[in-house]
N, C-alpha and C. Protein backbone atom coordinates (compact mmCIF):
# COMPACT_ATOMS: atom_id res chain seq x y z
N UNK A 1 0.82 -1.20 0.00
CA UNK A 1 0.00 0.00 0.00
C UNK A 1 0.87 1.27 0.00
N UNK A 2 1.88 1.25 0.85
CA UNK A 2 2.77 2.41 0.94
C UNK A 2 3.54 2.56 -0.38
N UNK A 3 3.92 1.46 -0.99
CA UNK A 3 4.65 1.50 -2.25
C UNK A 3 3.80 2.12 -3.35
N UNK A 4 2.52 1.77 -3.41
CA UNK A 4 1.63 2.34 -4.42
C UNK A 4 1.48 3.85 -4.24
N UNK A 5 1.33 4.28 -3.01
CA UNK A 5 1.18 5.71 -2.72
C UNK A 5 2.46 6.45 -3.10
N UNK A 6 3.61 5.85 -2.80
CA UNK A 6 4.89 6.46 -3.14
C UNK A 6 5.06 6.58 -4.65
N UNK A 7 4.73 5.52 -5.37
CA UNK A 7 4.86 5.54 -6.83
C UNK A 7 3.91 6.57 -7.44
N UNK A 8 2.68 6.63 -6.98
CA UNK A 8 1.71 7.60 -7.48
C UNK A 8 2.18 9.02 -7.19
N UNK A 9 2.71 9.24 -6.01
CA UNK A 9 3.22 10.56 -5.65
C UNK A 9 4.39 10.96 -6.56
N UNK A 10 5.30 10.03 -6.82
CA UNK A 10 6.44 10.32 -7.68
C UNK A 10 5.97 10.63 -9.10
N UNK A 11 4.99 9.88 -9.59
CA UNK A 11 4.46 10.12 -10.93
C UNK A 11 3.79 11.49 -11.01
N UNK A 12 3.01 11.84 -10.02
CA UNK A 12 2.35 13.15 -10.01
C UNK A 12 3.36 14.28 -9.94
N UNK A 13 4.41 14.11 -9.16
CA UNK A 13 5.45 15.13 -9.09
C UNK A 13 6.19 15.25 -10.43
N UNK A 14 6.42 14.13 -11.09
CA UNK A 14 7.08 14.17 -12.39
C UNK A 14 6.22 14.89 -13.42
N UNK A 15 4.92 14.65 -13.40
CA UNK A 15 4.01 15.34 -14.32
C UNK A 15 4.00 16.83 -14.04
N UNK A 16 3.94 17.20 -12.76
CA UNK A 16 3.95 18.62 -12.40
C UNK A 16 5.26 19.28 -12.81
N UNK A 17 6.38 18.59 -12.65
CA UNK A 17 7.68 19.14 -13.03
C UNK A 17 7.77 19.30 -14.55
N UNK A 18 7.22 18.35 -15.29
CA UNK A 18 7.24 18.44 -16.76
C UNK A 18 6.41 19.63 -17.22
N UNK A 19 5.26 19.83 -16.62
CA UNK A 19 4.42 20.98 -16.98
C UNK A 19 5.13 22.28 -16.64
N UNK A 20 5.76 22.35 -15.48
CA UNK A 20 6.47 23.56 -15.08
C UNK A 20 7.63 23.85 -16.03
N UNK A 21 8.33 22.83 -16.47
CA UNK A 21 9.43 23.01 -17.42
C UNK A 21 8.91 23.50 -18.77
N UNK A 22 7.81 22.94 -19.23
CA UNK A 22 7.21 23.38 -20.50
C UNK A 22 6.78 24.84 -20.40
N UNK A 23 6.14 25.20 -19.30
CA UNK A 23 5.66 26.56 -19.11
C UNK A 23 6.83 27.54 -19.05
N UNK A 24 7.89 27.17 -18.35
CA UNK A 24 9.08 28.03 -18.25
C UNK A 24 9.72 28.22 -19.62
N UNK A 25 9.81 27.15 -20.39
CA UNK A 25 10.36 27.24 -21.74
C UNK A 25 9.51 28.16 -22.61
N UNK A 26 8.20 28.06 -22.47
CA UNK A 26 7.29 28.92 -23.23
C UNK A 26 7.53 30.39 -22.89
N UNK A 27 7.70 30.69 -21.61
CA UNK A 27 7.95 32.07 -21.19
C UNK A 27 9.29 32.58 -21.73
N UNK A 28 10.30 31.74 -21.69
CA UNK A 28 11.62 32.14 -22.18
C UNK A 28 11.57 32.43 -23.67
N UNK A 29 10.90 31.57 -24.44
CA UNK A 29 10.79 31.79 -25.88
C UNK A 29 10.02 33.06 -26.19
N UNK A 30 9.00 33.35 -25.40
CA UNK A 30 8.23 34.58 -25.60
C UNK A 30 9.11 35.80 -25.32
N UNK A 31 9.88 35.75 -24.26
CA UNK A 31 10.78 36.85 -23.93
C UNK A 31 11.84 37.03 -25.03
N UNK A 32 12.36 35.94 -25.55
CA UNK A 32 13.35 36.04 -26.62
C UNK A 32 12.76 36.67 -27.88
N UNK A 33 11.52 36.36 -28.19
CA UNK A 33 10.87 36.98 -29.35
C UNK A 33 10.74 38.49 -29.15
N UNK A 34 10.40 38.92 -27.94
CA UNK A 34 10.29 40.35 -27.65
C UNK A 34 11.66 41.03 -27.78
N UNK A 35 12.70 40.38 -27.29
CA UNK A 35 14.05 40.94 -27.39
C UNK A 35 14.47 41.04 -28.85
N UNK A 36 14.18 40.00 -29.64
CA UNK A 36 14.52 40.03 -31.06
C UNK A 36 13.78 41.15 -31.77
N UNK A 37 12.52 41.37 -31.43
CA UNK A 37 11.76 42.46 -32.04
C UNK A 37 12.37 43.82 -31.70
N UNK A 38 12.77 44.01 -30.45
CA UNK A 38 13.35 45.28 -30.04
C UNK A 38 14.70 45.53 -30.71
N UNK A 39 15.45 44.47 -30.93
CA UNK A 39 16.76 44.61 -31.56
C UNK A 39 16.67 44.63 -33.08
N UNK A 40 15.50 44.34 -33.61
CA UNK A 40 15.32 44.34 -35.05
C UNK A 40 15.86 43.10 -35.75
N UNK A 41 15.97 42.02 -35.02
CA UNK A 41 16.47 40.77 -35.60
C UNK A 41 15.31 40.03 -36.23
N UNK A 42 15.50 39.63 -37.49
CA UNK A 42 14.44 38.90 -38.17
C UNK A 42 14.43 37.45 -37.73
N UNK A 43 13.24 36.89 -37.63
CA UNK A 43 13.12 35.47 -37.29
C UNK A 43 13.41 34.63 -38.53
N UNK A 44 14.24 33.65 -38.35
CA UNK A 44 14.57 32.72 -39.43
C UNK A 44 13.78 31.45 -39.20
N UNK A 45 12.95 31.10 -40.18
CA UNK A 45 12.12 29.92 -40.04
C UNK A 45 12.79 28.75 -40.74
N UNK A 46 12.99 27.68 -40.01
CA UNK A 46 13.56 26.47 -40.59
C UNK A 46 12.45 25.44 -40.72
N UNK A 47 12.36 24.83 -41.87
CA UNK A 47 11.33 23.82 -42.11
C UNK A 47 11.59 22.61 -41.21
N UNK A 48 10.52 21.98 -40.83
CA UNK A 48 10.60 20.82 -39.97
C UNK A 48 9.68 19.72 -40.50
N UNK A 49 10.02 18.49 -40.20
CA UNK A 49 9.14 17.41 -40.61
C UNK A 49 7.80 17.48 -39.88
N UNK A 50 7.75 18.20 -38.78
CA UNK A 50 6.50 18.35 -38.04
C UNK A 50 5.53 19.27 -38.75
N UNK A 51 6.01 20.04 -39.71
CA UNK A 51 5.14 20.93 -40.48
C UNK A 51 4.20 20.12 -41.37
N UNK A 52 4.60 18.94 -41.73
CA UNK A 52 3.78 18.11 -42.59
C UNK A 52 2.94 17.15 -41.76
N UNK A 53 2.27 17.68 -40.77
CA UNK A 53 1.42 16.88 -39.88
C UNK A 53 0.22 16.36 -40.66
N UNK A 54 0.00 15.09 -40.61
CA UNK A 54 -1.07 14.47 -41.37
C UNK A 54 -2.46 14.74 -40.77
N UNK A 55 -2.48 15.22 -39.55
CA UNK A 55 -3.77 15.49 -38.90
C UNK A 55 -4.36 16.83 -39.34
N UNK A 56 -3.53 17.71 -39.93
CA UNK A 56 -4.03 19.02 -40.36
C UNK A 56 -4.88 18.85 -41.60
N UNK A 57 -5.97 19.59 -41.67
CA UNK A 57 -6.85 19.57 -42.84
C UNK A 57 -6.41 20.64 -43.80
N UNK A 58 -5.51 20.31 -44.68
CA UNK A 58 -5.01 21.29 -45.64
C UNK A 58 -5.34 20.86 -47.04
């Protein structure tokens, strides 16, 4: 019983940490975009295989 509670707690903490890391990365990227705009740096777009997502209705 204690082992199950410990494992569930660890999994929940890992999920919370993953969400926090994603959110922090999102904020950093947003700040970098603002800095690039202020400095007049153009965004360079690199094509990715993820652009050809089969789920998109194009």
